[in-house]
Amino acid sequence: MKITNGIGYEANKYIDKTTTNQEVEADKKAIQNTGSAPNSDAVVNLSQASKEIQIAQKAVAETPDIRAEKVEDIKTQVDNNTYEINYDKVADKIVGTMFDDFA
């Protein structure tokens, strides 16, 4: 099972680790034996970890993308010419993002 909508690489790695091959193999055998997919009466049981991931996904989806108080603070600093850029932090983020893209 792959869940990629809105979660990161580490969460996908965890999901891949916890997915059992037994279920996949059973489905493959059912398809080979009958020539079609398993019955629509099949039951799917989610692990506790996958339920927690779904709850976390929902919380992230409901969180606003813009933190208004932080934006206002930065605007005030820019207007007062007191905003300082941390170039090392910016460079670390750029490099980190590049590594995430290749992983």
C-alpha atoms as a PDB file:
ATOM      1  CA  MET A   1       0.000   0.000   0.000  1.00  0.00           C
ATOM      2  CA  LYS A   2       1.375   3.424  -0.946  1.00  0.00           C
ATOM      3  CA  ILE A   3       0.129   6.613   0.641  1.00  0.00           C
ATOM      4  CA  THR A   4       1.773   9.603  -0.947  1.00  0.00           C
ATOM      5  CA  ASN A   5      -0.819  12.336  -0.795  1.00  0.00           C
ATOM      6  CA  GLY A   6       0.561  15.022   1.471  1.00  0.00           C
ATOM      7  CA  ILE A   7       3.069  13.060   3.529  1.00  0.00           C
ATOM      8  CA  GLY A   8       6.810  12.928   3.364  1.00  0.00           C
ATOM      9  CA  TYR A   9       9.434  10.456   2.359  1.00  0.00           C
ATOM     10  CA  GLU A  10      10.062   9.170   5.912  1.00  0.00           C
ATOM     11  CA  ALA A  11       6.386   8.354   6.435  1.00  0.00           C
ATOM     12  CA  ASN A  12       6.295   6.443   3.147  1.00  0.00           C
ATOM     13  CA  LYS A  13       9.401   4.479   4.188  1.00  0.00           C
ATOM     14  CA  TYR A  14       7.674   3.569   7.468  1.00  0.00           C
ATOM     15  CA  ILE A  15       4.512   2.487   5.668  1.00  0.00           C
ATOM     16  CA  ASP A  16       6.513   0.355   3.242  1.00  0.00           C
ATOM     17  CA  LYS A  17       8.297  -1.333   6.165  1.00  0.00           C
ATOM     18  CA  THR A  18       5.064  -2.130   7.988  1.00  0.00           C
ATOM     19  CA  THR A  19       3.181  -3.451   4.979  1.00  0.00           C
ATOM     20  CA  THR A  20       3.205  -7.227   5.100  1.00  0.00           C
ATOM     21  CA  ASN A  21       4.209  -9.248   2.072  1.00  0.00           C
ATOM     22  CA  GLN A  22       1.866 -12.052   3.167  1.00  0.00           C
ATOM     23  CA  GLU A  23      -1.200 -10.010   2.229  1.00  0.00           C
ATOM     24  CA  VAL A  24       0.302  -9.121  -1.143  1.00  0.00           C
ATOM     25  CA  GLU A  25       1.239 -12.736  -1.850  1.00  0.00           C
ATOM     26  CA  ALA A  26      -2.245 -13.953  -0.880  1.00  0.00           C
ATOM     27  CA  ASP A  27      -3.808 -11.482  -3.320  1.00  0.00           C
ATOM     28  CA  LYS A  28      -1.425 -12.572  -6.076  1.00  0.00           C
ATOM     29  CA  LYS A  29      -2.335 -16.241  -5.534  1.00  0.00           C
ATOM     30  CA  ALA A  30      -6.054 -15.413  -5.585  1.00  0.00           C
ATOM     31  CA  ILE A  31      -5.649 -13.587  -8.880  1.00  0.00           C
ATOM     32  CA  GLN A  32      -3.628 -16.441 -10.383  1.00  0.00           C
ATOM     33  CA  ASN A  33      -6.097 -19.095  -9.227  1.00  0.00           C
ATOM     34  CA  THR A  34      -9.272 -17.335 -10.318  1.00  0.00           C
ATOM     35  CA  GLY A  35      -7.983 -15.065 -13.048  1.00  0.00           C
ATOM     36  CA  SER A  36      -9.532 -12.058 -11.336  1.00  0.00           C
ATOM     37  CA  ALA A  37      -9.069  -9.920  -8.273  1.00  0.00           C
ATOM     38  CA  PRO A  38     -10.222 -11.141  -4.833  1.00  0.00           C
ATOM     39  CA  ASN A  39     -13.898 -10.793  -3.939  1.00  0.00           C
ATOM     40  CA  SER A  40     -15.277  -7.356  -3.247  1.00  0.00           C
ATOM     41  CA  ASP A  41     -16.208  -8.732   0.185  1.00  0.00           C
ATOM     42  CA  ALA A  42     -12.557  -8.531   1.179  1.00  0.00           C
ATOM     43  CA  VAL A  43     -11.881  -6.881   4.512  1.00  0.00           C
ATOM     44  CA  VAL A  44      -9.049  -4.416   4.969  1.00  0.00           C
ATOM     45  CA  ASN A  45      -7.603  -4.032   8.449  1.00  0.00           C
ATOM     46  CA  LEU A  46      -5.406  -1.023   9.074  1.00  0.00           C
ATOM     47  CA  SER A  47      -2.627  -1.184  11.623  1.00  0.00           C
ATOM     48  CA  GLN A  48      -2.575   1.237  14.526  1.00  0.00           C
ATOM     49  CA  ALA A  49       0.393   3.012  12.932  1.00  0.00           C
ATOM     50  CA  SER A  50      -1.484   3.583   9.674  1.00  0.00           C
ATOM     51  CA  LYS A  51      -4.489   4.904  11.613  1.00  0.00           C
ATOM     52  CA  GLU A  52      -2.200   7.354  13.414  1.00  0.00           C
ATOM     53  CA  ILE A  53      -0.715   8.455  10.081  1.00  0.00           C
ATOM     54  CA  GLN A  54      -4.221   9.112   8.758  1.00  0.00           C
ATOM     55  CA  ILE A  55      -4.992  11.244  11.829  1.00  0.00           C
ATOM     56  CA  ALA A  56      -1.741  13.168  11.316  1.00  0.00           C
ATOM     57  CA  GLN A  57      -2.551  13.674   7.617  1.00  0.00           C
ATOM     58  CA  LYS A  58      -5.948  15.084   8.536  1.00  0.00           C
ATOM     59  CA  ALA A  59      -4.404  17.464  11.094  1.00  0.00           C
ATOM     60  CA  VAL A  60      -1.854  18.691   8.537  1.00  0.00           C
ATOM     61  CA  ALA A  61      -4.568  19.164   5.912  1.00  0.00           C
ATOM     62  CA  GLU A  62      -6.624  21.271   8.345  1.00  0.00           C
ATOM     63  CA  THR A  63      -3.680  23.473   9.359  1.00  0.00           C
ATOM     64  CA  PRO A  64      -3.484  26.748   7.433  1.00  0.00           C
ATOM     65  CA  ASP A  65      -0.520  27.098   5.084  1.00  0.00           C
ATOM     66  CA  ILE A  66       0.146  30.686   6.155  1.00  0.00           C
ATOM     67  CA  ARG A  67       0.866  31.705   9.735  1.00  0.00           C
ATOM     68  CA  ALA A  68      -0.523  35.232   9.784  1.00  0.00           C
ATOM     69  CA  GLU A  69       1.243  36.297  12.995  1.00  0.00           C
ATOM     70  CA  LYS A  70       4.651  35.275  11.604  1.00  0.00           C
ATOM     71  CA  VAL A  71       3.990  37.066   8.308  1.00  0.00           C
ATOM     72  CA  GLU A  72       3.008  40.240  10.167  1.00  0.00           C
ATOM     73  CA  ASP A  73       6.139  40.046  12.320  1.00  0.00           C
ATOM     74  CA  ILE A  74       8.371  39.750   9.244  1.00  0.00           C
ATOM     75  CA  LYS A  75       6.523  42.576   7.466  1.00  0.00           C
ATOM     76  CA  THR A  76       7.084  44.795  10.487  1.00  0.00           C
ATOM     77  CA  GLN A  77      10.795  43.935  10.552  1.00  0.00           C
ATOM     78  CA  VAL A  78      11.137  44.685   6.819  1.00  0.00           C
ATOM     79  CA  ASP A  79       9.307  48.003   7.208  1.00  0.00           C
ATOM     80  CA  ASN A  80      11.603  48.952  10.117  1.00  0.00           C
ATOM     81  CA  ASN A  81      14.749  47.788   8.267  1.00  0.00           C
ATOM     82  CA  THR A  82      15.500  45.353  11.096  1.00  0.00           C
ATOM     83  CA  TYR A  83      14.953  42.088   9.203  1.00  0.00           C
ATOM     84  CA  GLU A  84      18.146  40.035   9.045  1.00  0.00           C
ATOM     85  CA  ILE A  85      18.715  37.123   6.692  1.00  0.00           C
ATOM     86  CA  ASN A  86      20.515  34.097   8.086  1.00  0.00           C
ATOM     87  CA  TYR A  87      22.410  33.030   4.964  1.00  0.00           C
ATOM     88  CA  ASP A  88      23.710  29.807   6.513  1.00  0.00           C
ATOM     89  CA  LYS A  89      20.175  28.720   7.351  1.00  0.00           C
ATOM     90  CA  VAL A  90      18.979  29.542   3.815  1.00  0.00           C
ATOM     91  CA  ALA A  91      21.861  27.545   2.294  1.00  0.00           C
ATOM     92  CA  ASP A  92      21.151  24.570   4.596  1.00  0.00           C
ATOM     93  CA  LYS A  93      17.484  24.554   3.535  1.00  0.00           C
ATOM     94  CA  ILE A  94      18.396  24.692  -0.164  1.00  0.00           C
ATOM     95  CA  VAL A  95      20.890  21.829   0.139  1.00  0.00           C
ATOM     96  CA  GLY A  96      18.508  19.810   2.326  1.00  0.00           C
ATOM     97  CA  THR A  97      15.714  20.189  -0.211  1.00  0.00           C
ATOM     98  CA  MET A  98      18.009  19.034  -2.999  1.00  0.00           C
ATOM     99  CA  PHE A  99      18.935  15.895  -1.050  1.00  0.00           C
ATOM    100  CA  ASP A 100      15.261  15.174  -0.320  1.00  0.00           C
ATOM    101  CA  ASP A 101      14.498  15.363  -4.032  1.00  0.00           C
ATOM    102  CA  PHE A 102      17.181  12.781  -4.837  1.00  0.00           C
ATOM    103  CA  ALA A 103      16.235  10.396  -2.022  1.00  0.00           C
END
